[in-house]
Structure formats: C-alpha cells, structure tokens
Amino acid sequence: MALRHEPLNVGTRQRSRISRTEPAFRTHLAVYLGVGLFLFTLNLLTSPFDLWFYWPLFFWGWGLAFHAFATYGSATPARVPEVLRSLAPWLGDASPARHADVQPDTAAPFAAEAFAAVHERIERIKAISCGIAADDVRGQVEAFTAEAERIIAAMARQRAGAASVRRFDAEMLAPVVSLLEQYADAASHGVPSADEAARRIAERDLPIVLGRLDDFSVAADPPPSSPTTARPRS
C-alpha cells in the first residue's frame, strides 16, 4: 500500500487552516448582511428620497472581500456563494418546496443550513480521497461518499429536521473527515511509526466508522408497507 504523498499533506494543512478561520468569516458576513438590512430599512424610513445606505456597505464590502480571500484564497469565488446560501437560504434553491400532501403541523422543519453543512463536509471528504494513493482506501471512501449522498437526498425528500441531519454529520461525516486527515498526515511522513498508524486507520478504524452507515441507510429507506389483502365479500 503506497503511503507517501507529500502534496496531500499540504492540502490537508490548507483545509485545516480554512476550518479554523472560516467561522470568523461566516460571522463577519452575517454581521455585514444584518447591518446592511438595518441601514437599508433606516434609510427608507428616514429619507427615502436620499439614498445613502450603500456607501458604508461599499467600503465595508472591500474589507469583507479581503477577509474572504484571506480565508479561502483562490477558492474564494466558489466558497463564498456557498457560505452566503447557508446564511441566507432564500437566495438559492434550498427553500422547501410546498406540496399539498405535507401537513404543516406534522412536517419536520426543513434544515437548509444543516443540509448545506453536510454537503460541504462531503465535498471535503471527496477532496481528501482524491489525493489518497492507496486504491483500496480510496475505493472505500468513494463508495462511502456515494452512499452518503444517497442518504442525504433521501433525508431531503423526507424533509428531515435539523437534528437528524446534524446527527448524521456528527456520527458519520465528521469522524470520516478526521480519520482521513490523520491517514493523510501519517501517509505523508513515511517513517515506521507513521506507516503503522496509517495501516491501523486503513484496516481497522476507517472500516469501523464506514460500517455504521448501514444504520442510516435503513433509516433513510424505511421498508415499504405490506399491501393489505382484500377480504372476500360474504
């Protein structure tokens, strides 16, 4: 099993840096949107024929843009819209569809932000797996991501609540990301102790976590109800 892969370690460090700095940018963006809405409302209420609200937002926006570039680097054009949709789901297609067969009092709330978070986590798993040199490990991870996406799609169709989606993220996706990052770090060193750690993750730890996916698969695909047999008329 090939374990040396130096470029992957660089990518892992970059993702780790983004995971540490992204919460600050998300907070900055949320405050920018909130203050922008407040200034727009205040402007319309006090002087609707003299618009000024966009000036502070324009200069503040430059600082926000530099903050985004410092957080995501060259991936800024792709990542910022995702964060924006997670903070303001009405800007994208994340708003729930209105179906006549869904009762408002019994339907679980549609967790747009939770779904956006799990999709982002799955993309991280895919990015890490692309740099894994071991075919068996990469194959396991690719099969896992395909099944995880199927489960997420089923949860979206069932309009699962935020608690269910976050549970799937915490119990399945987050541990897989952690193990893959540990594996990538060990595989990049190539010393005996790191080789042993990588083998332990690939042969024991990762299969244990991946095996738990079956529980969520059953929950996402409930067994069909048995057809009722018509009684013969007497």
C-alpha atoms as a PDB file:
ATOM      1  CA  MET A   1       0.000   0.000   0.000  1.00  0.00           C
ATOM      2  CA  ALA A   2       1.597   3.265  -1.125  1.00  0.00           C
ATOM      3  CA  LEU A   3       1.782   5.717   1.748  1.00  0.00           C
ATOM      4  CA  ARG A   4       3.943   8.628   0.589  1.00  0.00           C
ATOM      5  CA  HIS A   5       2.005  11.568  -0.768  1.00  0.00           C
ATOM      6  CA  GLU A   6       3.521  14.939   0.099  1.00  0.00           C
ATOM      7  CA  PRO A   7       1.089  17.188  -1.859  1.00  0.00           C
ATOM      8  CA  LEU A   8      -1.789  15.736   0.137  1.00  0.00           C
ATOM      9  CA  ASN A   9      -0.185  16.908   3.388  1.00  0.00           C
ATOM     10  CA  VAL A  10      -0.077  20.460   2.031  1.00  0.00           C
ATOM     11  CA  GLY A  11      -3.732  20.247   1.052  1.00  0.00           C
ATOM     12  CA  THR A  12      -4.603  18.851   4.481  1.00  0.00           C
ATOM     13  CA  ARG A  13      -2.891  21.749   6.208  1.00  0.00           C
ATOM     14  CA  GLN A  14      -4.751  24.192   3.962  1.00  0.00           C
ATOM     15  CA  ARG A  15      -8.125  22.600   4.763  1.00  0.00           C
ATOM     16  CA  SER A  16      -7.232  22.621   8.463  1.00  0.00           C
ATOM     17  CA  ARG A  17      -6.415  26.349   8.234  1.00  0.00           C
ATOM     18  CA  ILE A  18      -9.718  27.046   6.480  1.00  0.00           C
ATOM     19  CA  SER A  19     -11.642  25.090   9.123  1.00  0.00           C
ATOM     20  CA  ARG A  20     -10.063  27.297  11.810  1.00  0.00           C
ATOM     21  CA  THR A  21     -10.574  30.645  10.068  1.00  0.00           C
ATOM     22  CA  GLU A  22     -13.936  30.054   8.352  1.00  0.00           C
ATOM     23  CA  PRO A  23     -16.128  30.627  11.478  1.00  0.00           C
ATOM     24  CA  ALA A  24     -14.745  34.164  11.812  1.00  0.00           C
ATOM     25  CA  PHE A  25     -15.559  34.927   8.169  1.00  0.00           C
ATOM     26  CA  ARG A  26     -19.056  33.460   8.491  1.00  0.00           C
ATOM     27  CA  THR A  27     -19.668  35.721  11.497  1.00  0.00           C
ATOM     28  CA  HIS A  28     -18.281  38.712   9.597  1.00  0.00           C
ATOM     29  CA  LEU A  29     -20.546  38.003   6.620  1.00  0.00           C
ATOM     30  CA  ALA A  30     -23.609  37.500   8.846  1.00  0.00           C
ATOM     31  CA  VAL A  31     -22.973  40.820  10.617  1.00  0.00           C
ATOM     32  CA  TYR A  32     -22.487  42.541   7.243  1.00  0.00           C
ATOM     33  CA  LEU A  33     -25.816  41.237   5.974  1.00  0.00           C
ATOM     34  CA  GLY A  34     -27.627  42.134   9.195  1.00  0.00           C
ATOM     35  CA  VAL A  35     -26.231  45.658   9.384  1.00  0.00           C
ATOM     36  CA  GLY A  36     -26.840  46.148   5.672  1.00  0.00           C
ATOM     37  CA  LEU A  37     -30.506  45.266   6.086  1.00  0.00           C
ATOM     38  CA  PHE A  38     -30.756  47.594   9.078  1.00  0.00           C
ATOM     39  CA  LEU A  39     -29.163  50.516   7.198  1.00  0.00           C
ATOM     40  CA  PHE A  40     -31.399  49.932   4.182  1.00  0.00           C
ATOM     41  CA  THR A  41     -34.524  49.952   6.374  1.00  0.00           C
ATOM     42  CA  LEU A  42     -33.356  53.013   8.306  1.00  0.00           C
ATOM     43  CA  ASN A  43     -32.623  54.870   5.076  1.00  0.00           C
ATOM     44  CA  LEU A  44     -36.090  54.163   3.664  1.00  0.00           C
ATOM     45  CA  LEU A  45     -37.813  55.180   6.887  1.00  0.00           C
ATOM     46  CA  THR A  46     -35.902  58.442   7.457  1.00  0.00           C
ATOM     47  CA  SER A  47     -35.006  59.731   3.985  1.00  0.00           C
ATOM     48  CA  PRO A  48     -36.477  57.583   1.224  1.00  0.00           C
ATOM     49  CA  PHE A  49     -35.602  60.143  -1.482  1.00  0.00           C
ATOM     50  CA  ASP A  50     -31.965  60.492  -0.412  1.00  0.00           C
ATOM     51  CA  LEU A  51     -30.323  57.064  -0.524  1.00  0.00           C
ATOM     52  CA  TRP A  52     -27.061  56.760   1.371  1.00  0.00           C
ATOM     53  CA  PHE A  53     -27.119  53.221   2.826  1.00  0.00           C
ATOM     54  CA  TYR A  54     -24.899  51.758   0.102  1.00  0.00           C
ATOM     55  CA  TRP A  55     -21.879  53.953   0.883  1.00  0.00           C
ATOM     56  CA  PRO A  56     -20.910  52.344   4.209  1.00  0.00           C
ATOM     57  CA  LEU A  57     -21.719  48.919   2.751  1.00  0.00           C
ATOM     58  CA  PHE A  58     -19.497  49.625  -0.268  1.00  0.00           C
ATOM     59  CA  PHE A  59     -16.403  50.465   1.794  1.00  0.00           C
ATOM     60  CA  TRP A  60     -17.128  47.737   4.327  1.00  0.00           C
ATOM     61  CA  GLY A  61     -17.511  45.298   1.426  1.00  0.00           C
ATOM     62  CA  TRP A  62     -13.876  45.797   0.455  1.00  0.00           C
ATOM     63  CA  GLY A  63     -12.795  44.714   3.916  1.00  0.00           C
ATOM     64  CA  LEU A  64     -15.134  41.731   3.696  1.00  0.00           C
ATOM     65  CA  ALA A  65     -13.656  40.782   0.321  1.00  0.00           C
ATOM     66  CA  PHE A  66     -10.107  40.848   1.717  1.00  0.00           C
ATOM     67  CA  HIS A  67     -11.276  38.741   4.666  1.00  0.00           C
ATOM     68  CA  ALA A  68     -12.797  36.191   2.277  1.00  0.00           C
ATOM     69  CA  PHE A  69      -9.600  35.985   0.214  1.00  0.00           C
ATOM     70  CA  ALA A  70      -7.507  35.570   3.360  1.00  0.00           C
ATOM     71  CA  THR A  71      -9.792  32.712   4.441  1.00  0.00           C
ATOM     72  CA  TYR A  72     -10.271  30.768   1.187  1.00  0.00           C
ATOM     73  CA  GLY A  73      -7.508  32.000  -1.118  1.00  0.00           C
ATOM     74  CA  SER A  74      -8.038  31.049  -4.754  1.00  0.00           C
ATOM     75  CA  ALA A  75     -11.214  29.121  -3.825  1.00  0.00           C
ATOM     76  CA  THR A  76     -12.984  32.337  -2.760  1.00  0.00           C
ATOM     77  CA  PRO A  77     -15.296  32.653  -5.839  1.00  0.00           C
ATOM     78  CA  ALA A  78     -16.612  29.123  -5.258  1.00  0.00           C
ATOM     79  CA  ARG A  79     -16.771  29.078  -1.458  1.00  0.00           C
ATOM     80  CA  VAL A  80     -18.311  32.496  -0.684  1.00  0.00           C
ATOM     81  CA  PRO A  81     -21.597  31.784  -2.558  1.00  0.00           C
ATOM     82  CA  GLU A  82     -21.911  28.503  -0.613  1.00  0.00           C
ATOM     83  CA  VAL A  83     -21.479  30.320   2.707  1.00  0.00           C
ATOM     84  CA  LEU A  84     -23.906  33.020   1.577  1.00  0.00           C
ATOM     85  CA  ARG A  85     -26.557  30.422   0.683  1.00  0.00           C
ATOM     86  CA  SER A  86     -26.088  28.698   4.037  1.00  0.00           C
ATOM     87  CA  LEU A  87     -26.635  32.013   5.866  1.00  0.00           C
ATOM     88  CA  ALA A  88     -29.469  33.166   3.593  1.00  0.00           C
ATOM     89  CA  PRO A  89     -31.073  30.044   2.104  1.00  0.00           C
ATOM     90  CA  TRP A  90     -33.747  32.057   0.308  1.00  0.00           C
ATOM     91  CA  LEU A  91     -31.042  33.206  -2.136  1.00  0.00           C
ATOM     92  CA  GLY A  92     -30.677  29.706  -3.561  1.00  0.00           C
ATOM     93  CA  ASP A  93     -32.702  26.604  -4.174  1.00  0.00           C
ATOM     94  CA  ALA A  94     -32.581  25.457  -0.565  1.00  0.00           C
ATOM     95  CA  SER A  95     -36.031  26.703   0.327  1.00  0.00           C
ATOM     96  CA  PRO A  96     -38.502  23.851   0.857  1.00  0.00           C
ATOM     97  CA  ALA A  97     -40.982  23.037  -1.853  1.00  0.00           C
ATOM     98  CA  ARG A  98     -44.602  23.355  -0.921  1.00  0.00           C
ATOM     99  CA  HIS A  99     -46.504  20.159  -1.509  1.00  0.00           C
ATOM    100  CA  ALA A 100     -50.164  19.678  -0.831  1.00  0.00           C
ATOM    101  CA  ASP A 101     -49.509  16.304   0.804  1.00  0.00           C
ATOM    102  CA  VAL A 102     -47.229  17.768   3.511  1.00  0.00           C
ATOM    103  CA  GLN A 103     -49.125  18.825   6.581  1.00  0.00           C
ATOM    104  CA  PRO A 104     -47.649  21.923   8.263  1.00  0.00           C
ATOM    105  CA  ASP A 105     -48.329  20.631  11.769  1.00  0.00           C
ATOM    106  CA  THR A 106     -46.604  17.268  11.263  1.00  0.00           C
ATOM    107  CA  ALA A 107     -43.845  18.021   8.726  1.00  0.00           C
ATOM    108  CA  ALA A 108     -40.321  18.283  10.122  1.00  0.00           C
ATOM    109  CA  PRO A 109     -38.713  21.703   9.571  1.00  0.00           C
ATOM    110  CA  PHE A 110     -36.503  21.860   6.506  1.00  0.00           C
ATOM    111  CA  ALA A 111     -32.961  22.457   7.759  1.00  0.00           C
ATOM    112  CA  ALA A 112     -31.364  24.333   4.865  1.00  0.00           C
ATOM    113  CA  GLU A 113     -28.247  25.302   6.772  1.00  0.00           C
ATOM    114  CA  ALA A 114     -27.751  21.769   8.124  1.00  0.00           C
ATOM    115  CA  PHE A 115     -28.060  20.306   4.622  1.00  0.00           C
ATOM    116  CA  ALA A 116     -25.582  22.853   3.286  1.00  0.00           C
ATOM    117  CA  ALA A 117     -23.125  21.885   6.027  1.00  0.00           C
ATOM    118  CA  VAL A 118     -23.284  18.156   5.276  1.00  0.00           C
ATOM    119  CA  HIS A 119     -22.858  18.780   1.548  1.00  0.00           C
ATOM    120  CA  GLU A 120     -19.774  20.854   2.313  1.00  0.00           C
ATOM    121  CA  ARG A 121     -18.440  18.079   4.538  1.00  0.00           C
ATOM    122  CA  ILE A 122     -18.947  15.504   1.774  1.00  0.00           C
ATOM    123  CA  GLU A 123     -17.021  17.736  -0.632  1.00  0.00           C
ATOM    124  CA  ARG A 124     -14.154  17.810   1.853  1.00  0.00           C
ATOM    125  CA  ILE A 125     -14.170  14.014   2.008  1.00  0.00           C
ATOM    126  CA  LYS A 126     -14.041  13.856  -1.784  1.00  0.00           C
ATOM    127  CA  ALA A 127     -11.151  16.322  -1.887  1.00  0.00           C
ATOM    128  CA  ILE A 128      -9.112  14.297   0.597  1.00  0.00           C
ATOM    129  CA  SER A 129      -9.856  10.978  -1.107  1.00  0.00           C
ATOM    130  CA  CYS A 130      -8.623  12.302  -4.464  1.00  0.00           C
ATOM    131  CA  GLY A 131      -5.117  12.529  -3.035  1.00  0.00           C
ATOM    132  CA  ILE A 132      -5.036   9.095  -1.403  1.00  0.00           C
ATOM    133  CA  ALA A 133      -2.599   6.825  -3.213  1.00  0.00           C
ATOM    134  CA  ALA A 134      -3.899   3.537  -1.801  1.00  0.00           C
ATOM    135  CA  ASP A 135      -6.556   2.186  -4.160  1.00  0.00           C
ATOM    136  CA  ASP A 136      -8.341   0.119  -1.501  1.00  0.00           C
ATOM    137  CA  VAL A 137      -8.731   3.050   0.883  1.00  0.00           C
ATOM    138  CA  ARG A 138      -9.761   5.424  -1.881  1.00  0.00           C
ATOM    139  CA  GLY A 139     -12.308   2.886  -3.140  1.00  0.00           C
ATOM    140  CA  GLN A 140     -13.855   2.549   0.328  1.00  0.00           C
ATOM    141  CA  VAL A 141     -14.139   6.310   0.663  1.00  0.00           C
ATOM    142  CA  GLU A 142     -15.643   6.750  -2.799  1.00  0.00           C
ATOM    143  CA  ALA A 143     -18.271   4.104  -2.056  1.00  0.00           C
ATOM    144  CA  PHE A 144     -18.988   5.815   1.258  1.00  0.00           C
ATOM    145  CA  THR A 145     -19.466   9.263  -0.297  1.00  0.00           C
ATOM    146  CA  ALA A 146     -21.817   7.853  -2.938  1.00  0.00           C
ATOM    147  CA  GLU A 147     -23.967   6.180  -0.272  1.00  0.00           C
ATOM    148  CA  ALA A 148     -23.807   9.263   1.984  1.00  0.00           C
ATOM    149  CA  GLU A 149     -25.076  11.471  -0.853  1.00  0.00           C
ATOM    150  CA  ARG A 150     -27.918   9.000  -1.475  1.00  0.00           C
ATOM    151  CA  ILE A 151     -28.878   9.109   2.219  1.00  0.00           C
ATOM    152  CA  ILE A 152     -28.783  12.924   2.284  1.00  0.00           C
ATOM    153  CA  ALA A 153     -31.013  13.035  -0.792  1.00  0.00           C
ATOM    154  CA  ALA A 154     -33.463  10.653   0.890  1.00  0.00           C
ATOM    155  CA  MET A 155     -33.459  12.796   4.050  1.00  0.00           C
ATOM    156  CA  ALA A 156     -34.186  15.869   1.922  1.00  0.00           C
ATOM    157  CA  ARG A 157     -37.126  14.122   0.253  1.00  0.00           C
ATOM    158  CA  GLN A 158     -38.449  13.135   3.686  1.00  0.00           C
ATOM    159  CA  ARG A 159     -37.901  16.748   4.846  1.00  0.00           C
ATOM    160  CA  ALA A 160     -35.799  15.674   7.785  1.00  0.00           C
ATOM    161  CA  GLY A 161     -35.282  18.125  10.602  1.00  0.00           C
ATOM    162  CA  ALA A 162     -32.030  19.820  11.536  1.00  0.00           C
ATOM    163  CA  ALA A 163     -31.407  17.444  14.443  1.00  0.00           C
ATOM    164  CA  SER A 164     -31.421  14.376  12.181  1.00  0.00           C
ATOM    165  CA  VAL A 165     -29.149  15.967   9.604  1.00  0.00           C
ATOM    166  CA  ARG A 166     -26.680  17.182  12.238  1.00  0.00           C
ATOM    167  CA  ARG A 167     -26.685  13.742  13.856  1.00  0.00           C
ATOM    168  CA  PHE A 168     -25.678  12.192  10.531  1.00  0.00           C
ATOM    169  CA  ASP A 169     -22.947  14.799  10.198  1.00  0.00           C
ATOM    170  CA  ALA A 170     -21.621  14.311  13.743  1.00  0.00           C
ATOM    171  CA  GLU A 171     -21.755  10.499  13.804  1.00  0.00           C
ATOM    172  CA  MET A 172     -20.671   9.740  10.227  1.00  0.00           C
ATOM    173  CA  LEU A 173     -19.170  12.569   8.201  1.00  0.00           C
ATOM    174  CA  ALA A 174     -17.087  14.336  10.850  1.00  0.00           C
ATOM    175  CA  PRO A 175     -15.374  11.100  12.055  1.00  0.00           C
ATOM    176  CA  VAL A 176     -14.576  10.113   8.456  1.00  0.00           C
ATOM    177  CA  VAL A 177     -13.001  13.514   7.784  1.00  0.00           C
ATOM    178  CA  SER A 178     -10.948  13.234  10.972  1.00  0.00           C
ATOM    179  CA  LEU A 179      -9.713   9.723  10.138  1.00  0.00           C
ATOM    180  CA  LEU A 180      -8.852  10.644   6.559  1.00  0.00           C
ATOM    181  CA  GLU A 181      -6.878  13.677   7.706  1.00  0.00           C
ATOM    182  CA  GLN A 182      -4.991  11.507  10.195  1.00  0.00           C
ATOM    183  CA  TYR A 183      -4.361   8.922   7.491  1.00  0.00           C
ATOM    184  CA  ALA A 184      -3.128  11.566   5.047  1.00  0.00           C
ATOM    185  CA  ASP A 185      -0.813  13.053   7.652  1.00  0.00           C
ATOM    186  CA  ALA A 186       0.638   9.638   8.547  1.00  0.00           C
ATOM    187  CA  ALA A 187       0.955   8.614   4.893  1.00  0.00           C
ATOM    188  CA  SER A 188       2.963  11.730   4.092  1.00  0.00           C
ATOM    189  CA  HIS A 189       5.687  11.014   6.678  1.00  0.00           C
ATOM    190  CA  GLY A 190       6.755   7.518   5.627  1.00  0.00           C
ATOM    191  CA  VAL A 191       8.515   6.604   8.890  1.00  0.00           C
ATOM    192  CA  PRO A 192       7.772   3.203  10.508  1.00  0.00           C
ATOM    193  CA  SER A 193       5.567   4.612  13.257  1.00  0.00           C
ATOM    194  CA  ALA A 194       3.585   6.677  10.755  1.00  0.00           C
ATOM    195  CA  ASP A 195       3.286   3.682   8.418  1.00  0.00           C
ATOM    196  CA  GLU A 196       1.860   1.619  11.270  1.00  0.00           C
ATOM    197  CA  ALA A 197      -0.598   4.385  12.169  1.00  0.00           C
ATOM    198  CA  ALA A 198      -1.742   4.631   8.547  1.00  0.00           C
ATOM    199  CA  ARG A 199      -2.261   0.855   8.338  1.00  0.00           C
ATOM    200  CA  ARG A 200      -4.235   0.864  11.583  1.00  0.00           C
ATOM    201  CA  ILE A 201      -6.513   3.629  10.304  1.00  0.00           C
ATOM    202  CA  ALA A 202      -6.977   1.979   6.904  1.00  0.00           C
ATOM    203  CA  GLU A 203      -7.523  -1.574   8.160  1.00  0.00           C
ATOM    204  CA  ARG A 204      -9.350  -1.050  11.465  1.00  0.00           C
ATOM    205  CA  ASP A 205     -10.561   2.450  12.344  1.00  0.00           C
ATOM    206  CA  LEU A 206     -11.936   3.543   8.982  1.00  0.00           C
ATOM    207  CA  PRO A 207     -13.879   0.308   8.264  1.00  0.00           C
ATOM    208  CA  ILE A 208     -15.489   0.515  11.729  1.00  0.00           C
ATOM    209  CA  VAL A 209     -16.794   4.029  11.051  1.00  0.00           C
ATOM    210  CA  LEU A 210     -17.856   3.213   7.497  1.00  0.00           C
ATOM    211  CA  GLY A 211     -19.755   0.178   8.764  1.00  0.00           C
ATOM    212  CA  ARG A 212     -22.066   2.405  10.779  1.00  0.00           C
ATOM    213  CA  LEU A 213     -23.512   3.804   7.570  1.00  0.00           C
ATOM    214  CA  ASP A 214     -25.893   0.844   7.353  1.00  0.00           C
ATOM    215  CA  ASP A 215     -27.900   2.184  10.315  1.00  0.00           C
ATOM    216  CA  PHE A 216     -28.551   5.444   8.472  1.00  0.00           C
ATOM    217  CA  SER A 217     -29.276   3.606   5.220  1.00  0.00           C
ATOM    218  CA  VAL A 218     -32.121   1.710   6.889  1.00  0.00           C
ATOM    219  CA  ALA A 219     -33.477   4.919   8.415  1.00  0.00           C
ATOM    220  CA  ALA A 220     -33.336   6.702   5.067  1.00  0.00           C
ATOM    221  CA  ASP A 221     -35.097   3.837   3.275  1.00  0.00           C
ATOM    222  CA  PRO A 222     -37.921   2.595   5.526  1.00  0.00           C
ATOM    223  CA  PRO A 223     -39.365  -0.749   4.437  1.00  0.00           C
ATOM    224  CA  PRO A 224     -42.487  -0.422   2.280  1.00  0.00           C
ATOM    225  CA  SER A 225     -45.745  -1.140   3.977  1.00  0.00           C
ATOM    226  CA  SER A 226     -47.141  -4.559   3.175  1.00  0.00           C
ATOM    227  CA  PRO A 227     -50.160  -4.462   0.878  1.00  0.00           C
ATOM    228  CA  THR A 228     -53.422  -5.228   2.509  1.00  0.00           C
ATOM    229  CA  THR A 229     -55.258  -8.257   1.296  1.00  0.00           C
ATOM    230  CA  ALA A 230     -58.824  -7.560   0.296  1.00  0.00           C
ATOM    231  CA  ARG A 231     -61.332  -9.589   2.232  1.00  0.00           C
ATOM    232  CA  PRO A 232     -63.808 -11.615   0.172  1.00  0.00           C
ATOM    233  CA  ARG A 233     -67.293 -10.365   0.448  1.00  0.00           C
ATOM    234  CA  SER A 234     -69.605 -12.632   2.379  1.00  0.00           C
END
